[in-house]
Structures are given as structure tokens and as C-alpha cells.
Amino acid sequence: MSLYLMQIKGWVHKVRDLGKIKFLLIRDGYKIMQAVIKKGESPDYLLDLDIPIESAVEIEGEERETNGKKEILVKDLKILAKAEPLPIDPKKATPKKRFDYRIIDLKLPERQTLFRLRAKVQKFFRDWFMENGFVEINTPKIVIIGAESGAEVFPVLYFGKEAYLTQSPQLYKQMMVSVFPKVFEIAFAYRAEPSRTSRHLAEFTSVDAEMGFIKDEYDVINTIKKMLIDVSEKAMQTKEFEELAKPIDLGFEIITFDEAKEIVKGNPNEDLTTEEERKLGEHFMEEGVSFVAVTKYPWSERPFYTMRLDDNPSYTRGFDIIFRGLEIISGAQREHRYEKLLENIKEKGIDPNKLEYYLMAFKYGMPPHGGFGLGLERYLRQLLGLDDVREVILFYRDIDRLLP
């Protein structure tokens, strides 16, 4: 039954030619609709028209319903951009080939669904911060010193001077908490880690926040708990998530670093290994707990700006959040007391003169504060139960890839 005239624009996803009738699946970036070219009902020239898949087209015709499904009977079709034969079949290609031809891979409906979900999740985080009194900031990405002691940085030539791509907005967001009580930023960060793993990226999306006037690190952890549960619940309610994955439990547990090491039977004098994080995740997932906050990290494993425990300075108010076996967040109560911060800097072997502008903020009313950084790609990987963070970023960068 014919309903009314309509126009659709999109890409040819699939063609099935049966001679007197031709079926086209048209993808518009949101849905796939069937268009039918039928002898006697469509102009004859359309049956002979070469329409390669992935060509961009504009179709006019009558919307009708057949066997309970809507389709369009084509009355006119314009090829806006004729596609060449595809160099790969992205459904059958190896991961390397898919990423070599990423723009073709991204045309698959399931990839489009994933990146629509990513866009929504990024918005959910931003909306959550705004609704909870955080001010969005934009900090420099070209800096003169790295934020993380010991982490690798990418040098850049800056008007004849050596500078670096930022590893984190850490120092700037701390400085800004002396201006606004709560700040956040969602932006790319850069780590020159020579790693070939399913969890590392050289360029990644960092969701950062800092809060002033806190009592201790548990104020930050409780804020993270609420944020993660709220955002995850919203994400799982989207139609995109329903197409990609199954709902997960959102239990949240807090343990100490030493307790974590006891559970995984690990060396208490070393940081949690990737394998220990996985074991920790498995242990708690059996109890319906997806998020595990590991607190009181050793001072030896934390950067200079982390506050140490006054009664046991070998340990800190730093923490990590493990999401289903993978660390996705690192955070802490920061050291806001100028003299103690100076001691920390020197103890880590850093020249305080290189941090002059950062330290200046601590002389003029820096409140007790804390914050965290979340790796968006890691969060999405775990939320969707994927194997590799490279699947959730459009064009990834790591030690082996600079193109496309």
C-alpha cells in the first residue's frame, strides 16, 4: 500500500538485483531503509543503472508498506558520488586491515552505533559535571613540563624552544581549583608509552575533574561513585547500548591497596600488575561489583602532588578505580600545603624552579582538594565488554600507528 511521497539521502549499503526488480538498502547514518526499483512502477532506466555500494545517493519515491515493513518505491535516483570498488570487506578483514582502511570500517552500521553511543556517553559525563556544579575549563596542551613524574612525553618544537604535548591537565586543574571550587575538562591527552597492548593509546580522551574544600579522598571517591553509576545507567538505557552489549551490575566497593594485594596474593611492595587488576575484577564481579576503588597507595607508586598519610607517610591518599578488571581512573587527595608539597617535589627528584607557576597558586589560598582522571576509551571498552581500546576511538594512535 502506497502512503506518501518522500525523499531519502544516504549511502548504498547493499544491492540485490533480480532483473525485473532491484532492492537497495540505504544507510543514512542512523537507520537502514529498503528502496525498491520495480519494472512497470519505477522508470525503466533505473533498472539498468550501475549503483555501486557505498555510493552517496538521493532517492525520491513513494513510501509504502509491504509485509508490515516500510520501504520506498523509487521514482527518481541521483548518484551524488559514485563509489569505487571497496579495497576490503570490513566484515571479513583482519583488525590491522580494518584499521588501515578505517574510514571504510567505520561505515559498518555496528561501528556507527558504537560511535553514536560514545558521543552520548561523552555528553552524559559533561552534563553530569554541569548539573553538579562543576565549571568546564580548557587547559593548554602544549606545556613546558610534564605533569606525571617518570611518564614519557612527546617533545615539540615551539618557536625554537622545546616543549611537550601534555600528559594530563593535572597541574592546571589544581591551579584552577583556587579559582573555582569544582572544575572539569574532557580533552585529548598524550603519553609516549612504547606499549603494544589492548589498553594503551598514545592519544586518548581524558575526563578530568578537581574539587576544592574536601575533607579527604573519600569525598572524591563518593563523587566518582555517583558519577559512574549515573552515567553508566544512562548509557545502558540507550538504544545503541541495547544493540551492542548486555547490561552489567553496577556495584561499587572500596578496599585498601594492601587488601587488594592480599586478595590477588601479590607482592605488597609493587604496584598492581595488569594480571592482578584482572584477578581483582573477577573476584568482585562474582559478587555483582563492577567498580573497585583501591585506596591508600604506596608513596613510591604515586606522583609528587599526592597527599601522604600524616601518621604513615609511606602511604598516600591516592587511589585507583578498577572497572571489571581494568584500571580506568587514577585520583587522590592532593597536597595543598605549600611546604609539604615542596618537600614532596624535592623527594621525587624534581627541580621546584621548573614548577614555579604551579607552586605560585599554593601561596594564595589553595583549599584542601582532590580529583581524578578517567580514560574514556578504557571506560567504554569495559562497559561494552570489548577486547581493545582501539575499537572505541575513531583513529587511534600508538607506537605503531600514525596513519590514517
Protein backbone atom coordinates (compact mmCIF):
# COMPACT_ATOMS: atom_id res chain seq x y z
CA MET A 1 0.00 0.00 0.00
CA SER A 2 1.40 3.39 -1.03
CA LEU A 3 1.48 6.01 1.73
CA TYR A 4 3.09 9.29 0.56
CA LEU A 5 5.98 10.78 -1.41
CA MET A 6 9.30 11.05 0.40
CA GLN A 7 12.99 11.71 -0.13
CA ILE A 8 15.95 9.95 1.45
CA LYS A 9 19.66 10.68 1.24
CA GLY A 10 22.42 8.32 2.25
CA TRP A 11 24.82 5.60 1.18
CA VAL A 12 24.10 2.38 -0.67
CA HIS A 13 24.69 -0.35 1.88
CA LYS A 14 23.69 -3.36 -0.21
CA VAL A 15 22.27 -4.10 -3.68
CA ARG A 16 20.26 -7.16 -4.73
CA ASP A 17 19.46 -7.26 -8.45
CA LEU A 18 16.80 -9.78 -9.55
CA GLY A 19 16.40 -8.44 -13.09
CA LYS A 20 12.88 -7.00 -13.07
CA ILE A 21 13.23 -5.80 -9.52
CA LYS A 22 16.19 -4.31 -7.68
CA PHE A 23 16.43 -3.95 -3.90
CA LEU A 24 18.68 -1.29 -2.38
CA LEU A 25 19.48 -0.91 1.31
CA ILE A 26 20.15 2.76 2.02
CA ARG A 27 22.06 3.80 5.15
CA ASP A 28 21.63 7.38 6.37
CA GLY A 29 23.90 7.17 9.42
CA TYR A 30 21.03 6.37 11.79
CA LYS A 31 18.98 3.61 10.21
CA ILE A 32 18.82 1.40 7.12
CA MET A 33 15.82 1.60 4.78
CA GLN A 34 14.92 -0.56 1.82
CA ALA A 35 14.36 1.09 -1.57
CA VAL A 36 12.80 -0.88 -4.41
CA ILE A 37 13.24 -0.32 -8.16
CA LYS A 38 10.48 -2.28 -9.88
CA LYS A 39 9.76 -2.73 -13.59
CA GLY A 40 6.49 -1.05 -14.56
CA GLU A 41 6.38 1.05 -11.39
CA SER A 42 9.82 2.75 -11.49
CA PRO A 43 11.40 4.46 -14.52
CA ASP A 44 12.98 1.78 -16.75
CA TYR A 45 16.43 3.43 -16.83
CA LEU A 46 16.84 2.80 -13.09
CA LEU A 47 16.91 -0.98 -13.62
CA ASP A 48 19.99 -0.59 -15.86
CA LEU A 49 21.73 1.98 -13.66
CA ASP A 50 25.06 0.88 -12.13
CA ILE A 51 24.81 1.67 -8.42
CA PRO A 52 27.98 0.55 -6.55
CA ILE A 53 27.75 0.01 -2.81
CA GLU A 54 28.84 3.00 -0.69
CA SER A 55 27.79 5.44 -3.39
CA ALA A 56 26.11 8.55 -1.97
CA VAL A 57 22.60 8.82 -3.39
CA GLU A 58 19.42 10.89 -3.25
CA ILE A 59 16.19 8.98 -3.77
CA GLU A 60 12.64 10.18 -4.26
CA GLY A 61 9.68 7.85 -4.24
CA GLU A 62 6.55 6.57 -2.58
CA GLU A 63 6.71 5.20 0.92
CA ARG A 64 4.73 2.01 1.18
CA GLU A 65 4.26 -0.91 3.49
CA THR A 66 4.99 -4.50 2.45
CA ASN A 67 4.57 -7.41 4.86
CA GLY A 68 4.38 -4.95 7.73
CA LYS A 69 7.65 -3.22 6.83
CA LYS A 70 8.08 0.24 5.34
CA GLU A 71 10.04 0.70 2.12
CA ILE A 72 10.30 3.28 -0.65
CA LEU A 73 9.28 2.60 -4.25
CA VAL A 74 11.88 4.53 -6.24
CA LYS A 75 10.63 7.14 -8.72
CA ASP A 76 13.93 9.01 -9.09
CA LEU A 77 17.51 8.26 -8.04
CA LYS A 78 20.54 10.53 -8.29
CA ILE A 79 24.05 9.26 -7.67
CA LEU A 80 25.71 12.17 -5.85
CA ALA A 81 29.08 10.43 -5.51
CA LYS A 82 29.80 7.12 -7.23
CA ALA A 83 31.96 4.82 -5.10
CA GLU A 84 34.88 2.82 -6.41
CA PRO A 85 35.09 -0.91 -5.58
CA LEU A 86 35.93 -1.34 -1.89
CA PRO A 87 39.55 -2.44 -1.25
CA ILE A 88 38.45 -4.64 1.67
CA ASP A 89 35.39 -6.30 3.12
CA PRO A 90 35.42 -4.80 6.63
CA LYS A 91 33.30 -7.66 7.98
CA LYS A 92 35.94 -10.22 6.99
CA ALA A 93 39.17 -8.21 7.22
CA THR A 94 41.80 -8.63 9.93
CA PRO A 95 41.96 -5.90 12.62
CA LYS A 96 45.10 -4.47 11.01
CA LYS A 97 43.41 -4.22 7.61
CA ARG A 98 40.30 -2.72 9.17
CA PHE A 99 42.36 -0.02 10.86
CA ASP A 100 44.43 0.56 7.69
CA TYR A 101 41.13 1.28 5.91
CA ARG A 102 39.42 2.72 8.95
CA ILE A 103 37.12 5.07 7.04
CA ILE A 104 35.61 2.04 5.27
CA ASP A 105 35.43 0.08 8.53
CA LEU A 106 33.54 2.96 10.16
CA LYS A 107 30.78 2.69 7.56
CA LEU A 108 29.56 -0.57 9.12
CA PRO A 109 26.29 0.01 10.99
CA GLU A 110 27.66 -1.56 14.18
CA ARG A 111 30.61 0.89 14.16
CA GLN A 112 28.22 3.80 13.66
CA THR A 113 26.13 2.55 16.57
CA LEU A 114 29.24 2.37 18.76
CA PHE A 115 30.34 5.91 17.99
CA ARG A 116 26.87 7.31 18.46
CA LEU A 117 26.99 5.70 21.90
CA ARG A 118 30.43 7.17 22.54
CA ALA A 119 29.13 10.64 21.66
CA LYS A 120 26.21 10.18 24.04
CA VAL A 121 28.42 8.91 26.86
CA GLN A 122 30.76 11.88 26.47
CA LYS A 123 27.71 14.15 26.69
CA PHE A 124 26.44 12.25 29.75
CA PHE A 125 29.74 12.94 31.53
CA ARG A 126 29.69 16.61 30.56
CA ASP A 127 26.05 17.01 31.59
CA TRP A 128 26.70 15.27 34.90
CA PHE A 129 29.51 17.68 35.79
CA MET A 130 27.47 20.72 34.81
CA GLU A 131 24.46 19.54 36.80
CA ASN A 132 26.68 19.02 39.85
CA GLY A 133 28.25 22.46 39.95
CA PHE A 134 31.49 21.88 38.03
CA VAL A 135 32.85 24.56 35.69
CA GLU A 136 34.24 23.34 32.38
CA ILE A 137 37.79 24.52 31.69
CA ASN A 138 40.18 24.24 28.74
CA THR A 139 43.83 23.93 29.68
CA PRO A 140 46.97 24.17 27.48
CA LYS A 141 48.01 21.09 25.53
CA ILE A 142 51.48 22.46 24.77
CA VAL A 143 53.45 22.66 28.03
CA ILE A 144 56.99 23.16 29.23
CA ILE A 145 56.99 20.34 31.78
CA GLY A 146 55.10 17.05 32.06
CA ALA A 147 52.51 16.54 34.79
CA GLU A 148 53.46 12.98 35.63
CA SER A 149 56.89 12.29 37.03
CA GLY A 150 58.57 9.48 35.14
CA ALA A 151 55.99 9.32 32.34
CA GLU A 152 57.16 9.65 28.76
CA VAL A 153 56.30 12.83 26.85
CA PHE A 154 56.18 13.88 23.20
CA PRO A 155 58.56 16.80 22.55
CA VAL A 156 57.52 19.52 20.12
CA LEU A 157 59.46 22.45 18.70
CA TYR A 158 57.76 25.58 19.97
CA PHE A 159 59.14 28.69 18.23
CA GLY A 160 62.70 27.47 18.67
CA LYS A 161 62.12 26.18 22.21
CA GLU A 162 61.50 22.63 23.39
CA ALA A 163 58.02 21.97 24.72
CA TYR A 164 55.82 18.91 25.19
CA LEU A 165 52.33 17.63 24.47
CA THR A 166 50.52 17.45 27.78
CA GLN A 167 50.15 14.08 29.51
CA SER A 168 47.37 15.43 31.70
CA PRO A 169 45.74 18.73 32.73
CA GLN A 170 46.77 17.83 36.29
CA LEU A 171 48.76 20.91 37.26
CA TYR A 172 46.36 23.36 35.61
CA LYS A 173 43.22 21.86 37.08
CA GLN A 174 44.81 22.04 40.53
CA MET A 175 45.68 25.68 39.94
CA MET A 176 42.12 26.36 38.79
CA VAL A 177 40.63 24.91 41.97
CA SER A 178 41.97 28.03 43.69
CA VAL A 179 39.63 29.97 41.37
CA PHE A 180 36.55 27.71 41.09
CA PRO A 181 35.62 25.13 43.76
CA LYS A 182 34.89 22.46 41.14
CA VAL A 183 36.33 22.16 37.62
CA PHE A 184 36.36 19.55 34.86
CA GLU A 185 37.79 19.05 31.39
CA ILE A 186 37.22 16.47 28.64
CA ALA A 187 40.06 16.53 26.12
CA PHE A 188 42.85 14.56 24.47
CA ALA A 189 45.98 13.81 26.47
CA TYR A 190 49.24 12.28 25.26
CA ARG A 191 51.54 9.59 26.64
CA ALA A 192 54.64 8.41 24.80
CA GLU A 193 54.47 4.94 26.27
CA PRO A 194 56.13 2.38 23.98
CA SER A 195 53.38 -0.16 24.69
CA ARG A 196 51.69 -2.63 22.37
CA THR A 197 48.69 -3.63 24.44
CA SER A 198 44.90 -3.63 24.20
CA ARG A 199 44.64 -0.92 26.88
CA HIS A 200 47.23 1.71 25.90
CA LEU A 201 46.88 4.63 23.49
CA ALA A 202 49.38 7.40 22.79
CA GLU A 203 46.49 9.84 22.29
CA PHE A 204 43.43 9.27 24.47
CA THR A 205 40.40 11.09 25.83
CA SER A 206 40.86 12.11 29.45
CA VAL A 207 37.86 13.02 31.60
CA ASP A 208 39.39 15.12 34.38
CA ALA A 209 37.90 16.76 37.45
CA GLU A 210 39.16 18.57 40.56
CA MET A 211 37.21 19.51 43.69
CA GLY A 212 38.09 22.04 46.37
CA PHE A 213 37.17 22.20 50.07
CA ILE A 214 37.11 18.43 50.55
CA LYS A 215 37.58 16.61 53.84
CA ASP A 216 39.60 13.71 52.42
CA GLU A 217 39.94 11.42 49.41
CA TYR A 218 36.65 9.71 50.22
CA ASP A 219 34.78 12.87 49.21
CA VAL A 220 36.30 12.40 45.76
CA ILE A 221 35.64 8.64 45.68
CA ASN A 222 31.98 9.12 46.62
CA THR A 223 31.63 11.73 43.87
CA ILE A 224 33.15 9.27 41.38
CA LYS A 225 30.80 6.53 42.58
CA LYS A 226 27.74 8.67 41.93
CA MET A 227 29.07 9.82 38.55
CA LEU A 228 29.94 6.33 37.32
CA ILE A 229 26.63 4.83 38.36
CA ASP A 230 24.59 7.73 36.94
CA VAL A 231 26.44 7.80 33.60
CA SER A 232 26.51 4.01 33.25
CA GLU A 233 22.77 3.73 33.95
CA LYS A 234 22.03 6.37 31.31
CA ALA A 235 24.34 4.67 28.81
CA MET A 236 22.70 1.28 29.34
CA GLN A 237 19.27 2.82 28.71
CA THR A 238 20.21 3.95 25.19
CA LYS A 239 19.09 2.02 22.13
CA GLU A 240 22.73 1.96 20.99
CA PHE A 241 23.84 0.08 24.10
CA GLU A 242 20.98 -2.38 23.69
CA GLU A 243 22.28 -3.18 20.19
CA LEU A 244 25.89 -3.60 21.31
CA ALA A 245 26.01 -5.19 24.75
CA LYS A 246 24.16 -6.58 27.74
CA PRO A 247 23.53 -4.66 30.98
CA ILE A 248 26.07 -5.09 33.77
CA ASP A 249 25.93 -4.87 37.55
CA LEU A 250 26.98 -1.50 38.96
CA GLY A 251 28.11 -2.49 42.44
CA PHE A 252 30.88 -0.33 43.95
CA GLU A 253 33.37 -1.47 46.60
CA ILE A 254 36.19 0.33 48.46
CA ILE A 255 39.27 -1.55 49.66
CA THR A 256 42.85 -0.62 50.54
CA PHE A 257 45.90 -1.35 48.43
CA ASP A 258 47.14 -3.88 50.99
CA GLU A 259 43.73 -5.62 50.99
CA ALA A 260 43.84 -5.79 47.20
CA LYS A 261 47.28 -7.40 47.32
CA GLU A 262 46.01 -9.98 49.83
CA ILE A 263 43.08 -10.88 47.55
CA VAL A 264 45.29 -11.41 44.49
CA LYS A 265 48.20 -12.81 46.52
CA GLY A 266 50.57 -10.25 45.04
CA ASN A 267 53.80 -8.58 46.16
CA PRO A 268 52.79 -5.74 48.55
CA ASN A 269 55.92 -3.78 47.63
CA GLU A 270 54.98 -3.45 43.94
CA ASP A 271 52.14 -1.71 42.08
CA LEU A 272 49.15 -3.78 40.99
CA THR A 273 50.02 -5.57 37.76
CA THR A 274 47.66 -5.87 34.82
CA GLU A 275 47.06 -9.51 35.72
CA GLU A 276 46.35 -8.61 39.36
CA GLU A 277 43.83 -5.99 38.25
CA ARG A 278 42.12 -8.66 36.17
CA LYS A 279 42.01 -11.08 39.10
CA LEU A 280 40.67 -8.36 41.38
CA GLY A 281 37.91 -7.62 38.87
CA GLU A 282 36.96 -11.29 38.59
CA HIS A 283 36.87 -11.63 42.37
CA PHE A 284 34.40 -8.80 42.85
CA MET A 285 32.33 -9.38 39.71
CA GLU A 286 31.23 -12.69 41.26
CA GLU A 287 29.56 -10.53 43.95
CA GLY A 288 27.90 -8.14 41.47
CA VAL A 289 30.59 -5.48 41.96
CA SER A 290 31.94 -3.88 38.77
CA PHE A 291 33.79 -0.89 40.29
CA VAL A 292 36.53 -1.34 42.90
CA ALA A 293 38.21 1.68 44.48
CA VAL A 294 41.69 0.73 45.69
CA THR A 295 42.84 3.30 48.28
CA LYS A 296 45.98 4.13 50.26
CA TYR A 297 48.52 3.54 47.50
CA PRO A 298 52.20 3.47 48.49
CA TRP A 299 54.06 6.76 48.16
CA SER A 300 56.60 5.02 45.92
CA GLU A 301 53.88 4.49 43.30
CA ARG A 302 52.35 7.99 43.35
CA PRO A 303 53.35 11.38 41.86
CA PHE A 304 54.58 14.32 43.93
CA TYR A 305 51.23 16.13 44.22
CA THR A 306 49.60 13.23 46.10
CA MET A 307 48.95 13.82 49.82
CA ARG A 308 50.70 11.36 52.12
CA LEU A 309 49.19 9.96 55.29
CA ASP A 310 50.47 12.06 58.20
CA ASP A 311 50.63 9.03 60.51
CA ASN A 312 52.23 6.76 57.89
CA PRO A 313 53.99 8.74 55.12
CA SER A 314 54.89 5.54 53.26
CA TYR A 315 51.27 5.50 52.12
CA THR A 316 49.14 8.14 50.41
CA ARG A 317 45.58 9.33 49.92
CA GLY A 318 45.85 8.19 46.32
CA PHE A 319 43.52 5.64 44.74
CA ASP A 320 42.66 3.84 41.52
CA ILE A 321 39.27 2.67 40.28
CA ILE A 322 39.27 -0.79 38.70
CA PHE A 323 36.32 -1.38 36.34
CA ARG A 324 35.66 -5.05 35.65
CA GLY A 325 39.36 -5.87 35.87
CA LEU A 326 40.91 -2.79 34.27
CA GLU A 327 42.11 0.45 35.87
CA ILE A 328 40.12 3.33 34.37
CA ILE A 329 40.63 6.10 36.95
CA SER A 330 43.54 7.40 38.99
CA GLY A 331 42.91 10.01 41.67
CA ALA A 332 43.83 11.35 45.07
CA GLN A 333 43.53 14.00 47.66
CA ARG A 334 46.28 16.40 46.63
CA GLU A 335 48.88 18.00 48.85
CA HIS A 336 47.69 21.60 49.25
CA ARG A 337 50.12 22.66 52.00
CA TYR A 338 52.90 24.61 50.31
CA GLU A 339 55.83 23.46 52.46
CA LYS A 340 54.86 19.80 52.39
CA LEU A 341 54.29 19.98 48.61
CA LEU A 342 57.78 21.44 48.24
CA GLU A 343 59.17 18.53 50.27
CA ASN A 344 57.35 16.03 48.06
CA ILE A 345 58.71 17.64 44.89
CA LYS A 346 62.27 17.51 46.14
CA GLU A 347 61.90 13.94 47.39
CA LYS A 348 60.78 12.85 43.91
CA GLY A 349 63.93 14.44 42.46
CA ILE A 350 62.18 17.29 40.63
CA ASP A 351 63.56 20.84 40.45
CA PRO A 352 60.99 23.15 42.15
CA ASN A 353 62.09 26.03 39.89
CA LYS A 354 60.51 24.18 36.95
CA LEU A 355 57.17 24.31 38.78
CA GLU A 356 57.30 27.99 39.72
CA TYR A 357 53.96 28.97 38.18
CA TYR A 358 52.24 25.89 39.58
CA LEU A 359 53.58 26.50 43.07
CA MET A 360 52.52 30.15 42.97
CA ALA A 361 48.86 29.08 43.24
CA PHE A 362 49.60 27.37 46.56
CA LYS A 363 50.74 30.62 48.17
CA TYR A 364 47.41 32.39 47.72
CA GLY A 365 44.58 30.41 49.24
CA MET A 366 44.74 26.88 47.83
CA PRO A 367 41.98 24.90 49.60
CA PRO A 368 42.18 21.21 50.51
CA HIS A 369 41.34 19.50 47.23
CA GLY A 370 41.36 16.30 45.25
CA GLY A 371 40.43 14.97 41.87
CA PHE A 372 40.77 12.28 39.26
CA GLY A 373 41.32 11.45 35.62
CA LEU A 374 39.23 8.86 33.76
CA GLY A 375 40.28 7.26 30.48
CA LEU A 376 37.15 7.43 28.34
CA GLU A 377 38.28 4.71 25.93
CA ARG A 378 39.04 2.32 28.77
CA TYR A 379 35.67 3.04 30.37
CA LEU A 380 33.84 2.33 27.09
CA ARG A 381 35.85 -0.81 26.46
CA GLN A 382 34.83 -2.25 29.81
CA LEU A 383 31.23 -1.03 29.66
CA LEU A 384 30.74 -2.79 26.31
CA GLY A 385 32.83 -5.85 27.13
CA LEU A 386 35.26 -5.27 24.23
CA ASP A 387 38.80 -6.59 23.97
CA ASP A 388 40.66 -3.50 22.77
CA VAL A 389 40.52 0.27 23.41
CA ARG A 390 41.36 0.87 19.75
CA GLU A 391 37.83 -0.15 18.83
CA VAL A 392 36.29 2.83 20.65
CA ILE A 393 38.38 5.67 19.20
CA LEU A 394 37.94 6.81 15.60
CA PHE A 395 41.58 6.92 14.50
CA TYR A 396 43.88 5.53 17.17
CA ARG A 397 47.49 6.42 17.82
CA ASP A 398 50.01 4.07 19.39
CA ILE A 399 53.67 3.14 18.99
CA ASP A 400 52.99 1.58 15.56
CA ARG A 401 50.35 3.83 14.02
CA LEU A 402 50.42 7.43 12.83
CA LEU A 403 48.06 6.92 9.86
CA PRO A 404 45.27 7.24 8.96
